[in-house]
N, C-alpha and C. Protein backbone atom coordinates (compact mmCIF):
# COMPACT_ATOMS: atom_id res chain seq x y z
N MET A 1 -5.53 -9.57 1.48
CA MET A 1 -6.60 -10.43 1.99
C MET A 1 -6.38 -10.75 3.47
N LYS A 2 -5.13 -11.06 3.82
CA LYS A 2 -4.82 -11.38 5.21
C LYS A 2 -5.05 -10.17 6.10
N ASN A 3 -4.65 -8.99 5.58
CA ASN A 3 -4.85 -7.77 6.36
C ASN A 3 -6.34 -7.50 6.60
N ARG A 4 -7.16 -7.76 5.56
CA ARG A 4 -8.61 -7.57 5.67
C ARG A 4 -9.20 -8.50 6.72
N LEU A 5 -8.77 -9.75 6.70
CA LEU A 5 -9.26 -10.71 7.69
C LEU A 5 -8.85 -10.32 9.09
N ARG A 6 -7.61 -9.80 9.19
CA ARG A 6 -7.12 -9.38 10.51
C ARG A 6 -7.94 -8.20 11.04
N LEU A 7 -8.26 -7.25 10.16
CA LEU A 7 -9.05 -6.09 10.56
C LEU A 7 -10.46 -6.50 10.95
N ASP A 8 -11.04 -7.46 10.20
CA ASP A 8 -12.38 -7.93 10.55
C ASP A 8 -12.39 -8.60 11.91
N ALA A 9 -11.36 -9.35 12.20
CA ALA A 9 -11.26 -10.04 13.50
C ALA A 9 -11.16 -9.03 14.63
N VAL A 10 -10.34 -7.99 14.42
CA VAL A 10 -10.18 -6.94 15.44
C VAL A 10 -11.51 -6.22 15.66
N ALA A 11 -12.23 -5.92 14.57
CA ALA A 11 -13.51 -5.23 14.68
C ALA A 11 -14.52 -6.05 15.48
N MET A 12 -14.54 -7.37 15.21
CA MET A 12 -15.47 -8.24 15.94
C MET A 12 -15.12 -8.29 17.42
N LEU A 13 -13.83 -8.27 17.73
CA LEU A 13 -13.40 -8.29 19.13
C LEU A 13 -13.83 -7.02 19.83
N VAL A 14 -13.68 -5.87 19.16
CA VAL A 14 -14.08 -4.59 19.75
C VAL A 14 -15.57 -4.56 20.04
N VAL A 15 -16.38 -5.04 19.09
CA VAL A 15 -17.83 -5.09 19.28
C VAL A 15 -18.19 -5.97 20.47
N ALA A 16 -17.53 -7.12 20.56
CA ALA A 16 -17.81 -8.05 21.67
C ALA A 16 -17.47 -7.42 23.01
N LEU A 17 -16.34 -6.71 23.06
CA LEU A 17 -15.93 -6.06 24.31
C LEU A 17 -16.90 -4.96 24.68
N CYS A 18 -17.33 -4.17 23.71
CA CYS A 18 -18.28 -3.09 23.97
C CYS A 18 -19.60 -3.64 24.50
N TYR A 19 -20.04 -4.76 23.91
CA TYR A 19 -21.29 -5.38 24.37
C TYR A 19 -21.16 -5.86 25.81
N ALA A 20 -20.02 -6.46 26.11
CA ALA A 20 -19.80 -6.97 27.47
C ALA A 20 -19.83 -5.84 28.48
N VAL A 21 -19.19 -4.72 28.14
CA VAL A 21 -19.16 -3.57 29.05
C VAL A 21 -20.55 -3.00 29.23
N SER A 22 -21.32 -2.88 28.12
CA SER A 22 -22.65 -2.28 28.20
C SER A 22 -23.60 -3.13 29.02
N THR A 23 -23.52 -4.45 28.90
CA THR A 23 -24.42 -5.30 29.67
C THR A 23 -24.04 -5.31 31.13
N THR A 24 -22.77 -5.11 31.45
CA THR A 24 -22.35 -5.04 32.84
C THR A 24 -22.81 -3.74 33.47
N ALA A 25 -22.81 -2.66 32.70
CA ALA A 25 -23.14 -1.35 33.26
C ALA A 25 -24.63 -1.05 33.24
N ASN A 26 -25.43 -1.83 32.53
CA ASN A 26 -26.84 -1.56 32.41
C ASN A 26 -27.64 -2.41 33.38
N PRO A 27 -28.21 -1.80 34.45
CA PRO A 27 -28.93 -2.56 35.45
C PRO A 27 -30.09 -3.36 34.88
N SER A 28 -30.80 -2.81 33.89
CA SER A 28 -31.95 -3.52 33.34
C SER A 28 -31.52 -4.79 32.62
N THR A 29 -30.28 -4.82 32.13
CA THR A 29 -29.78 -6.00 31.42
C THR A 29 -29.28 -7.05 32.41
N THR A 30 -28.58 -6.60 33.44
CA THR A 30 -27.98 -7.55 34.36
C THR A 30 -29.01 -8.31 35.17
N THR A 31 -30.22 -7.75 35.32
CA THR A 31 -31.22 -8.44 36.12
C THR A 31 -32.17 -9.29 35.28
N LYS A 32 -31.94 -9.38 33.97
CA LYS A 32 -32.81 -10.19 33.12
C LYS A 32 -32.59 -11.68 33.37
N ALA A 33 -31.34 -12.05 33.63
CA ALA A 33 -31.05 -13.45 33.91
C ALA A 33 -31.52 -13.79 35.32
N ALA A 34 -31.89 -15.05 35.52
CA ALA A 34 -32.35 -15.49 36.83
C ALA A 34 -31.22 -15.38 37.84
N LEU A 35 -31.53 -14.83 39.00
CA LEU A 35 -30.53 -14.68 40.06
C LEU A 35 -30.60 -15.88 40.99
N ALA A 36 -29.49 -16.16 41.66
CA ALA A 36 -29.47 -17.24 42.65
C ALA A 36 -30.39 -16.87 43.80
N LYS A 37 -30.98 -17.87 44.43
CA LYS A 37 -31.88 -17.61 45.56
C LYS A 37 -31.09 -17.27 46.82
N ALA A 38 -31.59 -16.31 47.56
CA ALA A 38 -30.94 -15.89 48.79
C ALA A 38 -31.10 -16.95 49.87
N GLU A 39 -30.02 -17.19 50.62
CA GLU A 39 -30.05 -18.12 51.74
C GLU A 39 -29.28 -17.52 52.90
N LEU A 40 -29.85 -17.62 54.09
CA LEU A 40 -29.16 -17.11 55.27
C LEU A 40 -27.81 -17.79 55.43
N GLY A 41 -26.79 -16.99 55.74
CA GLY A 41 -25.46 -17.51 55.95
C GLY A 41 -24.65 -17.67 54.68
N SER A 42 -25.28 -17.41 53.54
CA SER A 42 -24.60 -17.54 52.24
C SER A 42 -24.45 -16.16 51.59
N PRO A 43 -23.58 -16.06 50.58
CA PRO A 43 -23.42 -14.78 49.90
C PRO A 43 -24.75 -14.28 49.34
N ALA A 44 -25.03 -13.01 49.56
CA ALA A 44 -26.28 -12.42 49.07
C ALA A 44 -26.25 -12.33 47.55
N PRO A 45 -27.37 -12.60 46.89
CA PRO A 45 -27.41 -12.50 45.43
C PRO A 45 -27.04 -11.09 44.96
N GLN A 46 -26.15 -11.01 43.99
CA GLN A 46 -25.74 -9.72 43.45
C GLN A 46 -26.83 -9.18 42.53
N PHE A 47 -26.94 -7.86 42.49
CA PHE A 47 -27.92 -7.26 41.59
C PHE A 47 -27.48 -5.86 41.20
N ALA A 48 -28.11 -5.35 40.17
CA ALA A 48 -27.91 -3.97 39.74
C ALA A 48 -29.27 -3.41 39.39
N LEU A 49 -29.65 -2.30 40.03
CA LEU A 49 -30.96 -1.69 39.79
C LEU A 49 -30.82 -0.17 39.74
N PRO A 50 -31.69 0.49 38.98
CA PRO A 50 -31.65 1.96 38.92
C PRO A 50 -32.53 2.59 39.99
N ASP A 51 -32.14 3.80 40.42
CA ASP A 51 -32.99 4.54 41.34
C ASP A 51 -33.94 5.43 40.52
N CYS A 52 -34.64 6.33 41.18
CA CYS A 52 -35.63 7.15 40.48
C CYS A 52 -35.00 8.17 39.53
N TYR A 53 -33.70 8.35 39.62
CA TYR A 53 -33.00 9.26 38.70
C TYR A 53 -32.21 8.48 37.65
N ASN A 54 -32.49 7.16 37.57
CA ASN A 54 -31.81 6.27 36.63
C ASN A 54 -30.33 6.06 36.96
N LYS A 55 -29.94 6.41 38.16
CA LYS A 55 -28.57 6.13 38.59
C LYS A 55 -28.48 4.64 38.94
N PRO A 56 -27.53 3.90 38.36
CA PRO A 56 -27.44 2.47 38.66
C PRO A 56 -26.76 2.21 40.00
N PHE A 57 -27.32 1.30 40.75
CA PHE A 57 -26.74 0.87 42.01
C PHE A 57 -26.40 -0.61 41.89
N PHE A 58 -25.15 -0.95 42.18
CA PHE A 58 -24.68 -2.32 42.13
C PHE A 58 -24.40 -2.78 43.56
N LEU A 59 -24.95 -3.90 43.97
CA LEU A 59 -24.73 -4.37 45.33
C LEU A 59 -23.25 -4.52 45.63
N ASN A 60 -22.47 -5.00 44.66
CA ASN A 60 -21.05 -5.25 44.94
C ASN A 60 -20.24 -3.98 45.14
N GLU A 61 -20.82 -2.80 44.86
CA GLU A 61 -20.08 -1.57 45.12
C GLU A 61 -20.02 -1.25 46.62
N PHE A 62 -20.83 -1.96 47.40
CA PHE A 62 -20.85 -1.73 48.85
C PHE A 62 -20.11 -2.83 49.61
N LYS A 63 -19.21 -3.51 48.92
CA LYS A 63 -18.42 -4.55 49.55
C LYS A 63 -17.66 -3.96 50.74
N GLY A 64 -17.68 -4.66 51.86
CA GLY A 64 -17.00 -4.16 53.06
C GLY A 64 -17.90 -3.32 53.95
N LYS A 65 -19.16 -3.14 53.52
CA LYS A 65 -20.13 -2.38 54.32
C LYS A 65 -21.32 -3.26 54.68
N VAL A 66 -22.01 -2.90 55.73
CA VAL A 66 -23.24 -3.58 56.09
C VAL A 66 -24.35 -2.95 55.25
N VAL A 67 -25.18 -3.78 54.62
CA VAL A 67 -26.24 -3.29 53.75
C VAL A 67 -27.60 -3.77 54.25
N VAL A 68 -28.52 -2.83 54.38
CA VAL A 68 -29.91 -3.15 54.74
C VAL A 68 -30.76 -2.98 53.49
N LEU A 69 -31.57 -3.99 53.19
CA LEU A 69 -32.51 -3.92 52.08
C LEU A 69 -33.93 -3.86 52.65
N GLU A 70 -34.69 -2.88 52.18
CA GLU A 70 -36.08 -2.71 52.64
C GLU A 70 -37.01 -2.76 51.42
N TRP A 71 -37.88 -3.76 51.38
CA TRP A 71 -38.84 -3.80 50.27
C TRP A 71 -39.97 -2.82 50.55
N VAL A 72 -40.24 -1.97 49.58
CA VAL A 72 -41.20 -0.89 49.76
C VAL A 72 -42.32 -0.94 48.73
N ASN A 73 -43.41 -0.28 49.05
CA ASN A 73 -44.52 -0.07 48.13
C ASN A 73 -45.28 1.13 48.67
N GLN A 74 -45.18 2.26 47.97
CA GLN A 74 -45.81 3.46 48.49
C GLN A 74 -47.34 3.43 48.42
N ARG A 75 -47.91 2.36 47.84
CA ARG A 75 -49.36 2.18 47.87
C ARG A 75 -49.80 1.30 49.04
N CYS A 76 -48.83 0.71 49.74
CA CYS A 76 -49.14 -0.18 50.87
C CYS A 76 -49.24 0.63 52.16
N PRO A 77 -50.35 0.54 52.89
CA PRO A 77 -50.49 1.33 54.12
C PRO A 77 -49.47 0.96 55.20
N ILE A 78 -48.98 -0.28 55.20
CA ILE A 78 -47.99 -0.68 56.20
C ILE A 78 -46.64 -0.06 55.87
N SER A 79 -46.22 -0.19 54.62
CA SER A 79 -44.96 0.43 54.19
C SER A 79 -45.05 1.94 54.31
N MET A 80 -46.16 2.51 53.83
CA MET A 80 -46.38 3.95 53.92
C MET A 80 -46.40 4.42 55.37
N GLY A 81 -47.05 3.63 56.23
CA GLY A 81 -47.14 3.99 57.64
C GLY A 81 -45.78 4.05 58.31
N ALA A 82 -44.91 3.08 57.98
CA ALA A 82 -43.55 3.07 58.55
C ALA A 82 -42.78 4.31 58.12
N HIS A 83 -43.01 4.75 56.88
CA HIS A 83 -42.33 5.96 56.39
C HIS A 83 -42.95 7.22 56.99
N ARG A 84 -44.27 7.22 57.12
CA ARG A 84 -44.94 8.38 57.69
C ARG A 84 -44.53 8.60 59.14
N GLU A 85 -44.34 7.49 59.85
CA GLU A 85 -43.90 7.57 61.25
C GLU A 85 -42.41 7.90 61.36
N GLY A 86 -41.70 7.76 60.24
CA GLY A 86 -40.26 8.01 60.25
C GLY A 86 -39.46 6.87 60.84
N LYS A 87 -40.07 5.69 60.92
CA LYS A 87 -39.42 4.53 61.54
C LYS A 87 -38.16 4.13 60.78
N MET A 88 -38.28 3.95 59.48
CA MET A 88 -37.13 3.53 58.67
C MET A 88 -36.07 4.63 58.59
N GLN A 89 -36.55 5.85 58.40
CA GLN A 89 -35.63 6.99 58.27
C GLN A 89 -34.79 7.16 59.54
N ALA A 90 -35.40 6.95 60.70
CA ALA A 90 -34.69 7.12 61.97
C ALA A 90 -33.58 6.07 62.13
N ILE A 91 -33.88 4.83 61.76
CA ILE A 91 -32.86 3.78 61.88
C ILE A 91 -31.72 4.06 60.91
N TYR A 92 -32.07 4.43 59.68
CA TYR A 92 -31.03 4.76 58.69
C TYR A 92 -30.15 5.90 59.20
N LYS A 93 -30.77 6.94 59.74
CA LYS A 93 -30.02 8.09 60.25
C LYS A 93 -29.08 7.69 61.39
N LYS A 94 -29.57 6.78 62.25
CA LYS A 94 -28.78 6.34 63.40
C LYS A 94 -27.52 5.60 62.99
N TYR A 95 -27.61 4.79 61.93
CA TYR A 95 -26.49 3.92 61.56
C TYR A 95 -25.71 4.37 60.32
N ALA A 96 -26.18 5.40 59.63
CA ALA A 96 -25.50 5.83 58.40
C ALA A 96 -24.04 6.19 58.65
N GLY A 97 -23.78 6.82 59.78
CA GLY A 97 -22.42 7.22 60.12
C GLY A 97 -21.53 6.07 60.56
N GLN A 98 -22.12 4.89 60.70
CA GLN A 98 -21.35 3.72 61.12
C GLN A 98 -21.09 2.76 59.95
N GLY A 99 -21.21 3.31 58.73
CA GLY A 99 -20.90 2.51 57.55
C GLY A 99 -22.02 1.60 57.09
N VAL A 100 -23.25 1.87 57.55
CA VAL A 100 -24.39 1.05 57.13
C VAL A 100 -25.07 1.70 55.93
N VAL A 101 -25.26 0.91 54.87
CA VAL A 101 -25.95 1.38 53.66
C VAL A 101 -27.38 0.86 53.69
N TRP A 102 -28.32 1.73 53.33
CA TRP A 102 -29.74 1.34 53.33
C TRP A 102 -30.29 1.54 51.93
N LEU A 103 -30.90 0.50 51.38
CA LEU A 103 -31.47 0.58 50.04
C LEU A 103 -32.93 0.14 50.08
N GLY A 104 -33.82 0.99 49.60
CA GLY A 104 -35.20 0.59 49.42
C GLY A 104 -35.32 -0.08 48.05
N ILE A 105 -36.17 -1.08 47.93
CA ILE A 105 -36.39 -1.75 46.65
C ILE A 105 -37.89 -1.90 46.41
N ASP A 106 -38.35 -1.43 45.27
CA ASP A 106 -39.76 -1.54 44.90
C ASP A 106 -39.89 -2.59 43.80
N SER A 107 -40.42 -3.76 44.17
CA SER A 107 -40.59 -4.85 43.21
C SER A 107 -42.04 -4.95 42.73
N SER A 108 -42.84 -3.93 42.99
CA SER A 108 -44.22 -3.93 42.51
C SER A 108 -44.23 -3.88 40.99
N HIS A 109 -45.17 -4.56 40.37
CA HIS A 109 -45.22 -4.54 38.90
C HIS A 109 -45.52 -3.15 38.37
N PHE A 110 -46.11 -2.30 39.23
CA PHE A 110 -46.40 -0.93 38.83
C PHE A 110 -45.35 0.05 39.35
N ALA A 111 -44.20 -0.47 39.78
CA ALA A 111 -43.14 0.40 40.31
C ALA A 111 -42.87 1.54 39.33
N ASP A 112 -42.89 2.75 39.86
CA ASP A 112 -42.75 3.93 39.02
C ASP A 112 -41.70 4.86 39.63
N LYS A 113 -40.69 5.18 38.85
CA LYS A 113 -39.58 5.99 39.35
C LYS A 113 -40.04 7.37 39.83
N GLU A 114 -40.91 8.00 39.06
CA GLU A 114 -41.36 9.34 39.43
C GLU A 114 -42.19 9.31 40.70
N ALA A 115 -43.06 8.31 40.82
CA ALA A 115 -43.88 8.18 42.03
C ALA A 115 -43.00 7.94 43.25
N ASN A 116 -41.96 7.14 43.10
CA ASN A 116 -41.05 6.89 44.22
C ASN A 116 -40.22 8.13 44.55
N ARG A 117 -39.88 8.92 43.54
CA ARG A 117 -39.14 10.17 43.79
C ARG A 117 -39.99 11.12 44.62
N ILE A 118 -41.25 11.24 44.24
CA ILE A 118 -42.17 12.13 44.97
C ILE A 118 -42.40 11.61 46.38
N HIS A 119 -42.61 10.29 46.51
CA HIS A 119 -42.83 9.68 47.82
C HIS A 119 -41.63 9.92 48.74
N ALA A 120 -40.42 9.74 48.21
CA ALA A 120 -39.21 9.95 49.01
C ALA A 120 -39.10 11.40 49.47
N ALA A 121 -39.45 12.33 48.59
CA ALA A 121 -39.38 13.75 48.94
C ALA A 121 -40.41 14.09 50.02
N GLN A 122 -41.62 13.56 49.86
CA GLN A 122 -42.69 13.86 50.82
C GLN A 122 -42.42 13.25 52.19
N MET A 123 -41.75 12.10 52.22
CA MET A 123 -41.49 11.40 53.47
C MET A 123 -40.09 11.65 54.03
N SER A 124 -39.35 12.54 53.38
CA SER A 124 -37.97 12.84 53.81
C SER A 124 -37.10 11.59 53.87
N ILE A 125 -37.26 10.74 52.85
CA ILE A 125 -36.44 9.54 52.74
C ILE A 125 -35.18 9.92 51.97
N THR A 126 -34.03 9.78 52.61
CA THR A 126 -32.78 10.19 51.97
C THR A 126 -31.96 9.02 51.41
N TYR A 127 -32.42 7.80 51.65
CA TYR A 127 -31.73 6.66 51.06
C TYR A 127 -32.39 6.33 49.72
N PRO A 128 -31.68 5.66 48.81
CA PRO A 128 -32.22 5.39 47.47
C PRO A 128 -33.39 4.40 47.51
N ILE A 129 -34.33 4.61 46.60
CA ILE A 129 -35.38 3.62 46.35
C ILE A 129 -35.13 3.11 44.94
N LEU A 130 -34.83 1.82 44.84
CA LEU A 130 -34.48 1.21 43.56
C LEU A 130 -35.70 0.54 42.93
N ASN A 131 -35.75 0.58 41.62
CA ASN A 131 -36.91 0.05 40.90
C ASN A 131 -36.63 -1.34 40.32
N ASP A 132 -37.52 -2.28 40.66
CA ASP A 132 -37.41 -3.68 40.22
C ASP A 132 -38.77 -4.14 39.71
N PRO A 133 -39.36 -3.47 38.69
CA PRO A 133 -40.72 -3.79 38.25
C PRO A 133 -40.88 -5.20 37.70
N GLU A 134 -39.81 -5.81 37.23
CA GLU A 134 -39.89 -7.18 36.75
C GLU A 134 -39.86 -8.19 37.90
N GLY A 135 -39.48 -7.70 39.08
CA GLY A 135 -39.47 -8.56 40.27
C GLY A 135 -38.34 -9.55 40.35
N LYS A 136 -37.32 -9.39 39.51
CA LYS A 136 -36.21 -10.35 39.49
C LYS A 136 -35.47 -10.39 40.82
N VAL A 137 -35.16 -9.21 41.34
CA VAL A 137 -34.41 -9.15 42.60
C VAL A 137 -35.29 -9.56 43.78
N GLY A 138 -36.53 -9.10 43.76
CA GLY A 138 -37.46 -9.47 44.83
C GLY A 138 -37.64 -10.97 44.94
N LYS A 139 -37.78 -11.63 43.80
CA LYS A 139 -37.96 -13.08 43.81
C LYS A 139 -36.68 -13.81 44.20
N ALA A 140 -35.54 -13.24 43.85
CA ALA A 140 -34.27 -13.86 44.25
C ALA A 140 -34.13 -13.85 45.77
N TYR A 141 -34.54 -12.73 46.38
CA TYR A 141 -34.46 -12.63 47.85
C TYR A 141 -35.70 -13.23 48.52
N GLN A 142 -36.67 -13.62 47.71
CA GLN A 142 -37.93 -14.19 48.21
C GLN A 142 -38.63 -13.22 49.15
N ALA A 143 -38.61 -11.94 48.73
CA ALA A 143 -39.30 -10.89 49.50
C ALA A 143 -40.80 -11.13 49.40
N LYS A 144 -41.46 -11.16 50.54
CA LYS A 144 -42.88 -11.51 50.57
C LYS A 144 -43.79 -10.33 50.88
N THR A 145 -43.30 -9.40 51.67
CA THR A 145 -44.17 -8.31 52.13
C THR A 145 -43.48 -6.96 51.99
N THR A 146 -44.30 -5.91 52.12
CA THR A 146 -43.75 -4.56 52.21
C THR A 146 -44.20 -3.98 53.56
N PRO A 147 -43.23 -3.81 54.47
CA PRO A 147 -41.80 -4.06 54.28
C PRO A 147 -41.39 -5.51 54.53
N HIS A 148 -40.29 -5.91 53.91
CA HIS A 148 -39.57 -7.15 54.22
C HIS A 148 -38.11 -6.72 54.26
N MET A 149 -37.44 -7.05 55.36
CA MET A 149 -36.10 -6.55 55.60
C MET A 149 -35.04 -7.64 55.47
N PHE A 150 -33.91 -7.26 54.90
CA PHE A 150 -32.77 -8.16 54.79
C PHE A 150 -31.51 -7.38 55.18
N ILE A 151 -30.58 -8.06 55.83
CA ILE A 151 -29.31 -7.42 56.18
C ILE A 151 -28.17 -8.29 55.67
N ILE A 152 -27.23 -7.62 55.01
CA ILE A 152 -26.04 -8.27 54.46
C ILE A 152 -24.84 -7.76 55.23
N ASP A 153 -23.99 -8.66 55.73
CA ASP A 153 -22.85 -8.20 56.54
C ASP A 153 -21.69 -7.75 55.66
N LYS A 154 -20.60 -7.33 56.29
CA LYS A 154 -19.46 -6.77 55.57
C LYS A 154 -18.79 -7.78 54.65
N ALA A 155 -18.97 -9.06 54.95
CA ALA A 155 -18.39 -10.10 54.10
C ALA A 155 -19.29 -10.44 52.91
N GLY A 156 -20.47 -9.80 52.85
CA GLY A 156 -21.38 -10.04 51.74
C GLY A 156 -22.36 -11.16 51.96
N ASN A 157 -22.44 -11.65 53.20
CA ASN A 157 -23.36 -12.75 53.50
C ASN A 157 -24.68 -12.25 54.05
N LEU A 158 -25.76 -12.93 53.70
CA LEU A 158 -27.07 -12.58 54.22
C LEU A 158 -27.19 -13.08 55.66
N VAL A 159 -27.44 -12.15 56.58
CA VAL A 159 -27.44 -12.54 58.00
C VAL A 159 -28.77 -12.25 58.70
N TYR A 160 -29.67 -11.55 58.03
CA TYR A 160 -31.00 -11.34 58.62
C TYR A 160 -32.05 -11.32 57.51
N ASP A 161 -33.20 -11.93 57.80
CA ASP A 161 -34.30 -12.03 56.85
C ASP A 161 -35.59 -12.00 57.66
N GLY A 162 -36.38 -10.93 57.50
CA GLY A 162 -37.64 -10.92 58.23
C GLY A 162 -38.28 -9.55 58.40
N ALA A 163 -38.95 -9.39 59.53
CA ALA A 163 -39.72 -8.18 59.82
C ALA A 163 -38.82 -7.07 60.35
N ILE A 164 -39.33 -5.85 60.28
CA ILE A 164 -38.62 -4.72 60.88
C ILE A 164 -38.66 -4.83 62.40
N ASP A 165 -39.80 -5.31 62.94
CA ASP A 165 -39.95 -5.42 64.40
C ASP A 165 -41.04 -6.43 64.73
N ASP A 166 -41.34 -6.53 66.01
CA ASP A 166 -42.37 -7.48 66.45
C ASP A 166 -43.72 -6.81 66.58
N GLN A 167 -43.86 -5.64 65.94
CA GLN A 167 -45.05 -4.80 66.01
C GLN A 167 -45.27 -4.28 67.43
N GLY A 168 -44.20 -4.32 68.21
CA GLY A 168 -44.24 -3.80 69.57
C GLY A 168 -42.96 -3.02 69.85
N GLU A 169 -42.31 -3.32 70.95
CA GLU A 169 -41.11 -2.59 71.34
C GLU A 169 -39.82 -3.16 70.77
N LYS A 170 -39.84 -4.42 70.36
CA LYS A 170 -38.62 -5.08 69.88
C LYS A 170 -38.40 -4.79 68.40
N ASN A 171 -37.29 -4.10 68.08
CA ASN A 171 -36.94 -3.84 66.69
C ASN A 171 -35.85 -4.81 66.28
N TYR A 172 -36.20 -5.76 65.42
CA TYR A 172 -35.26 -6.80 65.03
C TYR A 172 -34.07 -6.26 64.23
N VAL A 173 -34.33 -5.29 63.38
CA VAL A 173 -33.25 -4.75 62.54
C VAL A 173 -32.24 -3.99 63.39
N VAL A 174 -32.71 -3.19 64.33
CA VAL A 174 -31.81 -2.47 65.23
C VAL A 174 -30.96 -3.45 66.03
N ALA A 175 -31.61 -4.49 66.57
CA ALA A 175 -30.88 -5.49 67.36
C ALA A 175 -29.82 -6.18 66.51
N ALA A 176 -30.17 -6.53 65.27
CA ALA A 176 -29.23 -7.21 64.39
C ALA A 176 -28.06 -6.30 64.02
N LEU A 177 -28.35 -5.04 63.74
CA LEU A 177 -27.28 -4.10 63.38
C LEU A 177 -26.33 -3.89 64.56
N ASP A 178 -26.88 -3.78 65.76
CA ASP A 178 -26.03 -3.61 66.94
C ASP A 178 -25.09 -4.80 67.12
N GLU A 179 -25.62 -6.00 66.91
CA GLU A 179 -24.80 -7.20 67.05
C GLU A 179 -23.73 -7.28 65.95
N ILE A 180 -24.11 -6.98 64.73
CA ILE A 180 -23.16 -7.03 63.62
C ILE A 180 -22.02 -6.03 63.84
N LEU A 181 -22.36 -4.82 64.22
CA LEU A 181 -21.35 -3.78 64.42
C LEU A 181 -20.46 -4.05 65.63
N ALA A 182 -20.97 -4.88 66.55
CA ALA A 182 -20.18 -5.26 67.72
C ALA A 182 -19.35 -6.51 67.44
N GLY A 183 -19.45 -7.02 66.20
CA GLY A 183 -18.68 -8.22 65.83
C GLY A 183 -19.30 -9.51 66.33
N LYS A 184 -20.59 -9.46 66.64
CA LYS A 184 -21.28 -10.65 67.14
C LYS A 184 -22.20 -11.23 66.07
N PRO A 185 -22.50 -12.53 66.15
CA PRO A 185 -23.47 -13.12 65.20
C PRO A 185 -24.87 -12.61 65.53
N VAL A 186 -25.73 -12.56 64.54
CA VAL A 186 -27.11 -12.12 64.76
C VAL A 186 -27.84 -13.22 65.51
N SER A 187 -28.36 -12.89 66.68
CA SER A 187 -28.98 -13.90 67.55
C SER A 187 -30.34 -14.36 67.04
N LYS A 188 -31.03 -13.50 66.29
CA LYS A 188 -32.34 -13.87 65.73
C LYS A 188 -32.32 -13.55 64.24
N PRO A 189 -31.72 -14.42 63.43
CA PRO A 189 -31.54 -14.12 62.00
C PRO A 189 -32.79 -14.25 61.14
N LYS A 190 -33.82 -14.93 61.64
CA LYS A 190 -35.03 -15.16 60.84
C LYS A 190 -36.27 -14.84 61.64
N THR A 191 -37.11 -13.96 61.11
CA THR A 191 -38.40 -13.66 61.72
C THR A 191 -39.45 -13.64 60.61
N LYS A 192 -40.70 -13.58 60.99
CA LYS A 192 -41.78 -13.57 60.00
C LYS A 192 -42.11 -12.14 59.61
N PRO A 193 -41.92 -11.79 58.34
CA PRO A 193 -42.25 -10.42 57.92
C PRO A 193 -43.76 -10.20 57.89
N TYR A 194 -44.16 -8.95 58.05
CA TYR A 194 -45.59 -8.63 57.97
C TYR A 194 -45.76 -7.40 57.09
N GLY A 195 -46.97 -7.23 56.58
CA GLY A 195 -47.27 -6.10 55.71
C GLY A 195 -48.08 -6.56 54.52
N CYS A 196 -48.16 -5.72 53.49
CA CYS A 196 -48.86 -6.08 52.26
C CYS A 196 -47.99 -7.05 51.46
N THR A 197 -48.62 -7.93 50.72
CA THR A 197 -47.84 -8.82 49.87
C THR A 197 -47.17 -8.02 48.76
N VAL A 198 -45.98 -8.45 48.35
CA VAL A 198 -45.30 -7.78 47.24
C VAL A 198 -46.12 -8.04 45.98
N LYS A 199 -46.45 -6.99 45.27
CA LYS A 199 -47.30 -7.09 44.07
C LYS A 199 -46.45 -7.38 42.83
N TYR A 200 -46.00 -8.63 42.74
CA TYR A 200 -45.16 -9.03 41.62
C TYR A 200 -45.95 -9.04 40.31
N LYS A 201 -45.20 -8.89 39.24
CA LYS A 201 -45.77 -8.97 37.90
C LYS A 201 -46.27 -10.38 37.66
N THR A 202 -47.50 -10.52 37.17
CA THR A 202 -48.06 -11.84 36.92
C THR A 202 -47.50 -12.41 35.61
N PRO A 203 -46.95 -13.62 35.68
CA PRO A 203 -46.42 -14.23 34.45
C PRO A 203 -47.50 -14.39 33.40
N LYS A 204 -47.17 -14.14 32.15
CA LYS A 204 -48.14 -14.29 31.06
C LYS A 204 -48.20 -15.74 30.59
């Protein structure tokens, strides 16, 4: 009887451990819980999201690197226009060799992996586009538009929140990346993003 109880206890422990591992490794599970709200100067909210090939991306895997987050929507003419012009791709290409990671995030309720795969191929986008159809990550970062840009420094803190540029010659993201890589604080950490509103899923 004692041996049976001992075996049952071991079996329950194994099941519990397997469940813990599976929920940690499954991006769709880890983002079900409410995430902390993003704040400038504070640690960026952690997340795990799949790309169009179902490969999971975990923010904490890029610890020690500068990370740029770009909210995208391939149905938005502003987001699409930036990709058609190669604006985002050019900045990513410029800084990729300097340890900068670039992640696109689609928080549209109609976010579709296949559509994003095709869009990335057509626009020569070589950085991942992650799918967030429930909008958990978008709402945690309070992403308002497509595009809406965020930069996380090597220490994991959010140091920029806003537009890609001033719709003129001043590119805020480029300026921020140059300052970060030079070991300087971001001189303009907050700007007003512009573009289409993020099409979040409407609560039932």
